[in-house]
Amino acid sequence: MNWPAGLDLRSLNVFLETARAGNMTEAARRLGMTQPAVSQYISKAEEEIGAQLLDRRLRPIRLTPAGEVLRDRAESLIVSAEAAIAAARNVGDRPLAELRIGVPNSLATTLTPWLYDRVMTELRPGNFALRAGQSGDHIRALMEREVDLIIATDAAENLGGVVRHELFRETFMLMLPAGYDSADNSLADIVRDLPLIRFAGHNIVGQMVERHLRRIRVHAPRVAEFDTAQAVSAMVAAGHGFAVATPMCVLEGAALGYDVVTAPLPGPAFARTLHVLARGHELGQQAAAFAAICRDVLDEYMLPRATVRMPWLGDGFRVLTSA
């Protein structure tokens, strides 16, 4: 038979994720896509196959009989394709031709030089390609096969079709301008004294901070927001306000010379956990080896730096052992 021109592995993967999620909006979130893009993929697949795959009248969406048949066959096809890619890329102990990694902005400057040395020595890829940015963009890039591995927060826990390796957990804390004494002040007191320099809303750190503020019922007027740890650190160091951030955000700013005062976050604590994410069955032990390298670098280089700059931190920065 001639393979339908508009039906490929990506279309099948979108269909399968929609079937698992029960609605296109959730499938789009897991895949790092927009809901209209998911709908277009499904409609094109139905057009090429010549049968309706989803009963859109029902909530949650249900598969039609044709959709159930395609789901059962497509699952094994995707697994076989992933295994074929893994086999082709990882024959024996041969190094990868290229290793493409996505990391959050809050890790890029500090982690990359040490990570590069270890990866090139131990995994020996022909080319090391790293992109820094936002987790949502990296999740989409992972699912679209634009990158091979990403480092992401717990925000990606519900993402289907990936394997995860825990790296580290860090507690949120205060970035303060020089001269401001936060002792005995609540977060509400600090908000009254200083403007909050926010991480932009599409930034995972920013989203977590906003949820925390809502949870403890602290209202901070919107004054300024930025999408990188470096920019937030620069604003705080210049005395324009304070920020709620993480130890790695502090180290990112310090790497560019932006020194801030740090202090524990008053009131309830919250933290983020970062993982290495890889598409299932593709990189195999290479993904686990990369995660192990990341843990070693964090333990050897990042933890001591965090402890020197934030001696009060305690277990607020903790490298996690592999499961």
Protein backbone atom coordinates (compact mmCIF):
# COMPACT_ATOMS: atom_id res chain seq x y z
CA MET A 1 0.00 0.00 0.00
CA ASN A 2 1.01 3.63 -0.43
CA TRP A 3 1.52 5.24 2.97
CA PRO A 4 -0.85 8.23 3.43
CA ALA A 5 1.15 11.42 2.89
CA GLY A 6 -0.37 13.25 5.87
CA LEU A 7 -0.08 10.42 8.40
CA ASP A 8 3.25 10.00 10.17
CA LEU A 9 4.62 8.94 13.56
CA ARG A 10 4.07 12.41 14.95
CA SER A 11 0.38 12.28 14.00
CA LEU A 12 0.02 8.86 15.61
CA ASN A 13 1.73 10.07 18.77
CA VAL A 14 -0.64 13.07 19.00
CA PHE A 15 -3.62 10.74 18.51
CA LEU A 16 -2.39 8.37 21.21
CA GLU A 17 -1.78 11.16 23.72
CA THR A 18 -5.27 12.52 23.05
CA ALA A 19 -6.73 9.07 23.62
CA ARG A 20 -4.87 8.80 26.94
CA ALA A 21 -5.79 12.31 28.10
CA GLY A 22 -9.46 12.18 27.15
CA ASN A 23 -9.43 15.71 25.77
CA MET A 24 -7.38 17.75 23.34
CA THR A 25 -6.56 20.55 25.77
CA GLU A 26 -4.84 18.19 28.21
CA ALA A 27 -3.12 16.35 25.36
CA ALA A 28 -1.81 19.67 24.05
CA ARG A 29 -0.43 20.54 27.50
CA ARG A 30 1.36 17.20 27.81
CA LEU A 31 2.81 17.49 24.31
CA GLY A 32 3.83 21.13 24.64
CA MET A 33 1.52 22.11 21.76
CA THR A 34 -1.54 24.29 21.26
CA GLN A 35 -5.02 22.77 21.30
CA PRO A 36 -5.73 23.86 17.68
CA ALA A 37 -2.53 22.12 16.55
CA VAL A 38 -3.65 18.87 18.21
CA SER A 39 -7.05 19.19 16.57
CA GLN A 40 -5.43 19.69 13.17
CA TYR A 41 -3.27 16.59 13.59
CA ILE A 42 -6.32 14.49 14.52
CA SER A 43 -8.46 15.87 11.68
CA LYS A 44 -5.69 15.23 9.15
CA ALA A 45 -5.27 11.65 10.39
CA GLU A 46 -9.02 11.06 10.08
CA GLU A 47 -8.97 12.49 6.58
CA GLU A 48 -6.08 10.28 5.48
CA ILE A 49 -7.54 7.12 7.06
CA GLY A 50 -11.06 7.87 5.90
CA ALA A 51 -12.68 7.17 9.26
CA GLN A 52 -13.62 9.14 12.37
CA LEU A 53 -11.25 8.31 15.23
CA LEU A 54 -12.76 10.33 18.10
CA ASP A 55 -16.33 10.93 19.19
CA ARG A 56 -16.06 14.64 19.98
CA ARG A 57 -19.66 14.86 21.23
CA LEU A 58 -18.73 13.08 24.45
CA ARG A 59 -16.81 14.45 27.45
CA PRO A 60 -14.30 13.05 27.99
CA ILE A 61 -13.67 12.32 24.33
CA ARG A 62 -14.09 8.64 23.47
CA LEU A 63 -12.56 6.58 20.73
CA THR A 64 -14.75 5.32 17.91
CA PRO A 65 -14.38 1.63 16.93
CA ALA A 66 -11.92 2.74 14.23
CA GLY A 67 -10.04 4.80 16.83
CA GLU A 68 -9.78 1.80 19.16
CA VAL A 69 -8.29 -0.33 16.39
CA LEU A 70 -5.77 2.38 15.48
CA ARG A 71 -4.84 2.92 19.13
CA ASP A 72 -4.09 -0.76 19.68
CA ARG A 73 -1.93 -1.02 16.56
CA ALA A 74 -0.31 2.41 16.84
CA GLU A 75 0.97 1.83 20.40
CA SER A 76 3.17 -1.04 19.26
CA LEU A 77 4.21 0.88 16.14
CA ILE A 78 5.44 3.84 18.21
CA VAL A 79 7.31 1.56 20.60
CA SER A 80 8.95 -0.23 17.66
CA ALA A 81 9.91 3.07 16.05
CA GLU A 82 11.45 4.37 19.28
CA ALA A 83 13.37 1.13 19.70
CA ALA A 84 14.60 1.37 16.10
CA ILE A 85 15.82 4.93 16.66
CA ALA A 86 17.55 3.91 19.88
CA ALA A 87 19.21 0.95 18.20
CA ALA A 88 20.41 3.06 15.28
CA ARG A 89 21.79 5.80 17.52
CA ASN A 90 23.30 3.61 20.20
CA VAL A 91 24.91 0.63 18.51
CA GLY A 92 27.12 -1.04 21.11
CA ASP A 93 29.26 1.50 22.93
CA ARG A 94 29.58 3.85 20.01
CA PRO A 95 29.18 7.50 21.07
CA LEU A 96 26.23 9.53 19.88
CA ALA A 97 26.73 11.55 16.73
CA GLU A 98 25.11 14.48 18.55
CA LEU A 99 23.67 15.11 21.99
CA ARG A 100 21.06 17.90 22.08
CA ILE A 101 20.12 19.16 25.53
CA GLY A 102 17.62 21.72 26.82
CA VAL A 103 18.22 23.34 30.23
CA PRO A 104 16.37 26.05 32.20
CA ASN A 105 17.77 29.57 32.13
CA SER A 106 18.31 29.26 35.88
CA LEU A 107 21.00 26.59 35.34
CA ALA A 108 22.59 27.48 32.03
CA THR A 109 25.52 29.73 32.95
CA THR A 110 26.67 27.90 36.07
CA LEU A 111 26.09 24.29 35.09
CA THR A 112 27.12 24.21 31.43
CA PRO A 113 30.95 24.49 31.59
CA TRP A 114 31.30 21.65 34.10
CA LEU A 115 28.63 19.58 32.38
CA TYR A 116 30.31 19.98 29.00
CA ASP A 117 33.64 18.68 30.31
CA ARG A 118 32.12 15.56 31.82
CA VAL A 119 29.76 14.80 28.92
CA MET A 120 32.49 15.10 26.32
CA THR A 121 34.81 12.87 28.37
CA GLU A 122 32.32 10.16 29.33
CA LEU A 123 29.59 10.11 26.67
CA ARG A 124 31.85 11.37 23.86
CA PRO A 125 29.17 12.77 21.53
CA GLY A 126 30.34 14.02 18.17
CA ASN A 127 28.62 17.34 18.85
CA PHE A 128 27.35 18.89 22.10
CA ALA A 129 24.36 21.19 21.51
CA LEU A 130 22.72 22.98 24.42
CA ARG A 131 19.81 25.40 24.38
CA ALA A 132 18.75 27.47 27.38
CA GLY A 133 15.18 28.65 27.77
CA GLN A 134 11.80 27.96 29.34
CA SER A 135 10.53 24.52 30.35
CA GLY A 136 7.43 24.72 28.15
CA ASP A 137 9.56 25.31 25.07
CA HIS A 138 11.90 22.46 26.02
CA ILE A 139 9.04 20.02 26.61
CA ARG A 140 7.68 20.79 23.16
CA ALA A 141 11.19 20.43 21.68
CA LEU A 142 11.62 17.05 23.38
CA MET A 143 8.32 15.71 22.07
CA GLU A 144 9.02 17.14 18.61
CA ARG A 145 12.46 15.44 18.67
CA GLU A 146 14.32 18.72 18.38
CA VAL A 147 16.33 17.82 21.50
CA ASP A 148 17.28 14.49 23.05
CA LEU A 149 17.27 15.33 26.76
CA ILE A 150 15.94 18.15 28.89
CA ILE A 151 16.30 19.24 32.49
CA ALA A 152 12.90 20.30 33.80
CA THR A 153 10.97 20.83 37.02
CA ASP A 154 8.14 18.84 38.53
CA ALA A 155 5.83 20.79 36.22
CA ALA A 156 6.45 18.03 33.67
CA GLU A 157 5.30 15.18 35.94
CA ASN A 158 2.17 14.43 33.90
CA LEU A 159 3.95 14.33 30.58
CA GLY A 160 3.35 10.99 28.86
CA GLY A 161 5.87 8.86 27.01
CA VAL A 162 9.00 9.98 28.84
CA VAL A 163 11.42 8.56 31.40
CA ARG A 164 12.58 10.67 34.34
CA HIS A 165 15.73 10.75 36.43
CA GLU A 166 15.72 12.90 39.59
CA LEU A 167 18.58 15.38 39.93
CA PHE A 168 18.16 17.80 42.83
CA ARG A 169 15.70 19.64 45.01
CA GLU A 170 16.05 23.29 46.02
CA THR A 171 14.00 25.41 48.38
CA PHE A 172 12.78 28.87 47.42
CA MET A 173 14.40 31.76 49.31
CA LEU A 174 14.75 35.55 49.29
CA MET A 175 16.98 37.66 47.06
CA LEU A 176 17.39 41.04 48.78
CA PRO A 177 19.18 44.27 47.93
CA ALA A 178 22.18 45.27 50.05
CA GLY A 179 21.24 47.15 53.20
CA TYR A 180 17.79 45.67 53.67
CA ASP A 181 17.36 43.75 56.94
CA SER A 182 14.63 41.13 56.62
CA ALA A 183 15.07 39.75 60.14
CA ASP A 184 11.71 39.13 61.88
CA ASN A 185 9.81 40.40 58.81
CA SER A 186 7.02 38.39 57.26
CA LEU A 187 6.74 38.15 53.49
CA ALA A 188 3.81 40.57 53.66
CA ASP A 189 6.05 43.05 55.54
CA ILE A 190 8.73 42.78 52.86
CA VAL A 191 6.19 43.30 50.09
CA ARG A 192 5.10 46.53 51.82
CA ASP A 193 8.71 47.71 52.04
CA LEU A 194 10.06 46.69 48.61
CA PRO A 195 8.72 46.05 45.10
CA LEU A 196 8.65 42.39 44.09
CA ILE A 197 10.84 41.73 41.05
CA ARG A 198 8.96 38.91 39.38
CA PHE A 199 9.96 36.09 37.08
CA ALA A 200 7.78 36.33 33.97
CA GLY A 201 4.52 34.37 33.97
CA HIS A 202 5.69 31.85 31.36
CA ASN A 203 8.69 31.01 33.56
CA ILE A 204 8.18 27.95 35.79
CA VAL A 205 9.89 29.65 38.74
CA GLY A 206 7.54 32.60 38.25
CA GLN A 207 4.48 30.36 38.14
CA MET A 208 5.51 28.59 41.35
CA VAL A 209 6.08 31.90 43.15
CA GLU A 210 2.67 33.22 42.06
CA ARG A 211 0.94 30.07 43.32
CA HIS A 212 2.72 30.43 46.65
CA LEU A 213 1.69 34.07 47.01
CA ARG A 214 -1.94 33.17 46.31
CA ARG A 215 -1.76 30.27 48.76
CA ILE A 216 -0.56 32.48 51.63
CA ARG A 217 -2.80 35.40 50.53
CA VAL A 218 -0.02 37.92 49.99
CA HIS A 219 -0.72 40.49 47.29
CA ALA A 220 2.31 42.05 45.60
CA PRO A 221 1.63 44.82 43.06
CA ARG A 222 2.97 44.11 39.58
CA VAL A 223 5.95 46.40 39.03
CA ALA A 224 8.57 44.57 36.98
CA GLU A 225 9.08 41.05 35.63
CA PHE A 226 11.83 39.33 33.68
CA ASP A 227 12.27 35.90 32.13
CA THR A 228 15.81 35.02 33.28
CA ALA A 229 17.48 34.57 36.66
CA GLN A 230 20.32 36.81 35.49
CA ALA A 231 17.97 39.74 34.82
CA VAL A 232 16.11 39.30 38.11
CA SER A 233 19.43 39.15 40.00
CA ALA A 234 20.64 42.29 38.23
CA MET A 235 17.52 44.21 39.24
CA VAL A 236 17.77 43.12 42.89
CA ALA A 237 21.52 43.82 43.02
CA ALA A 238 20.84 47.32 41.68
CA GLY A 239 18.43 47.94 44.57
CA HIS A 240 15.18 48.00 42.58
CA GLY A 241 13.40 45.47 44.79
CA PHE A 242 13.49 41.91 46.07
CA ALA A 243 12.73 38.51 44.55
CA VAL A 244 11.57 35.07 45.62
CA ALA A 245 13.90 32.67 43.85
CA THR A 246 16.05 29.55 44.29
CA PRO A 247 19.71 28.94 45.13
CA MET A 248 20.51 28.14 41.48
CA CYS A 249 18.98 31.47 40.47
CA VAL A 250 21.35 33.19 42.91
CA LEU A 251 24.35 31.31 41.47
CA GLU A 252 23.29 32.21 37.92
CA GLY A 253 23.28 35.91 38.80
CA ALA A 254 26.53 35.66 40.74
CA ALA A 255 28.23 34.09 37.70
CA LEU A 256 27.67 37.42 35.91
CA GLY A 257 28.72 39.51 38.91
CA TYR A 258 25.27 40.31 40.33
CA ASP A 259 25.64 39.85 44.08
CA VAL A 260 22.52 39.87 46.21
CA VAL A 261 21.81 39.36 49.88
CA THR A 262 20.10 36.05 50.56
CA ALA A 263 17.84 34.93 53.40
CA PRO A 264 15.41 32.12 54.17
CA LEU A 265 11.85 32.63 52.97
CA PRO A 266 9.67 33.60 55.96
CA GLY A 267 6.53 31.57 56.49
CA PRO A 268 5.64 28.31 54.73
CA ALA A 269 8.42 26.78 52.65
CA PHE A 270 8.15 25.45 49.11
CA ALA A 271 10.63 23.87 46.72
CA ARG A 272 11.15 22.57 43.22
CA THR A 273 12.63 19.28 42.05
CA LEU A 274 14.50 19.04 38.77
CA HIS A 275 14.73 15.94 36.60
CA VAL A 276 16.36 14.77 33.41
CA LEU A 277 13.61 13.85 30.94
CA ALA A 278 14.09 11.67 27.87
CA ARG A 279 11.71 10.07 25.39
CA GLY A 280 11.07 6.49 26.45
CA HIS A 281 13.13 3.69 24.87
CA GLU A 282 15.31 5.97 22.76
CA LEU A 283 18.51 6.79 24.63
CA GLY A 284 18.39 3.90 27.07
CA GLN A 285 21.36 3.97 29.43
CA GLN A 286 22.69 7.14 27.84
CA ALA A 287 19.95 9.13 29.59
CA ALA A 288 20.73 7.52 32.96
CA ALA A 289 24.46 8.17 32.41
CA PHE A 290 23.76 11.83 31.62
CA ALA A 291 21.68 12.17 34.79
CA ALA A 292 24.51 10.62 36.82
CA ILE A 293 26.95 13.15 35.34
CA CYS A 294 24.56 15.98 36.25
CA ARG A 295 24.35 14.77 39.87
CA ASP A 296 28.13 14.55 40.14
CA VAL A 297 28.55 18.09 38.78
CA LEU A 298 25.88 19.44 41.12
CA ASP A 299 27.44 17.69 44.10
CA GLU A 300 31.03 18.65 43.30
CA TYR A 301 30.61 22.21 42.04
CA MET A 302 27.15 23.65 42.68
CA LEU A 303 26.50 22.48 46.24
CA PRO A 304 29.76 23.94 47.65
CA ARG A 305 29.11 27.27 45.92
CA ALA A 306 25.56 27.39 47.23
CA THR A 307 26.78 26.60 50.76
CA VAL A 308 29.40 29.36 50.70
CA ARG A 309 26.93 32.01 49.48
CA MET A 310 24.02 30.76 51.61
CA PRO A 311 25.52 29.20 54.76
CA TRP A 312 22.06 29.08 56.34
CA LEU A 313 20.75 26.86 53.52
CA GLY A 314 21.04 23.46 55.26
CA ASP A 315 19.16 20.84 53.22
CA GLY A 316 17.55 23.58 51.11
CA PHE A 317 19.75 22.39 48.25
CA ARG A 318 19.93 18.63 48.01
CA VAL A 319 21.33 16.42 45.25
CA LEU A 320 19.09 13.36 44.90
CA THR A 321 20.38 9.85 44.56
CA SER A 322 19.25 7.70 41.64
CA ALA A 323 16.28 5.44 42.24
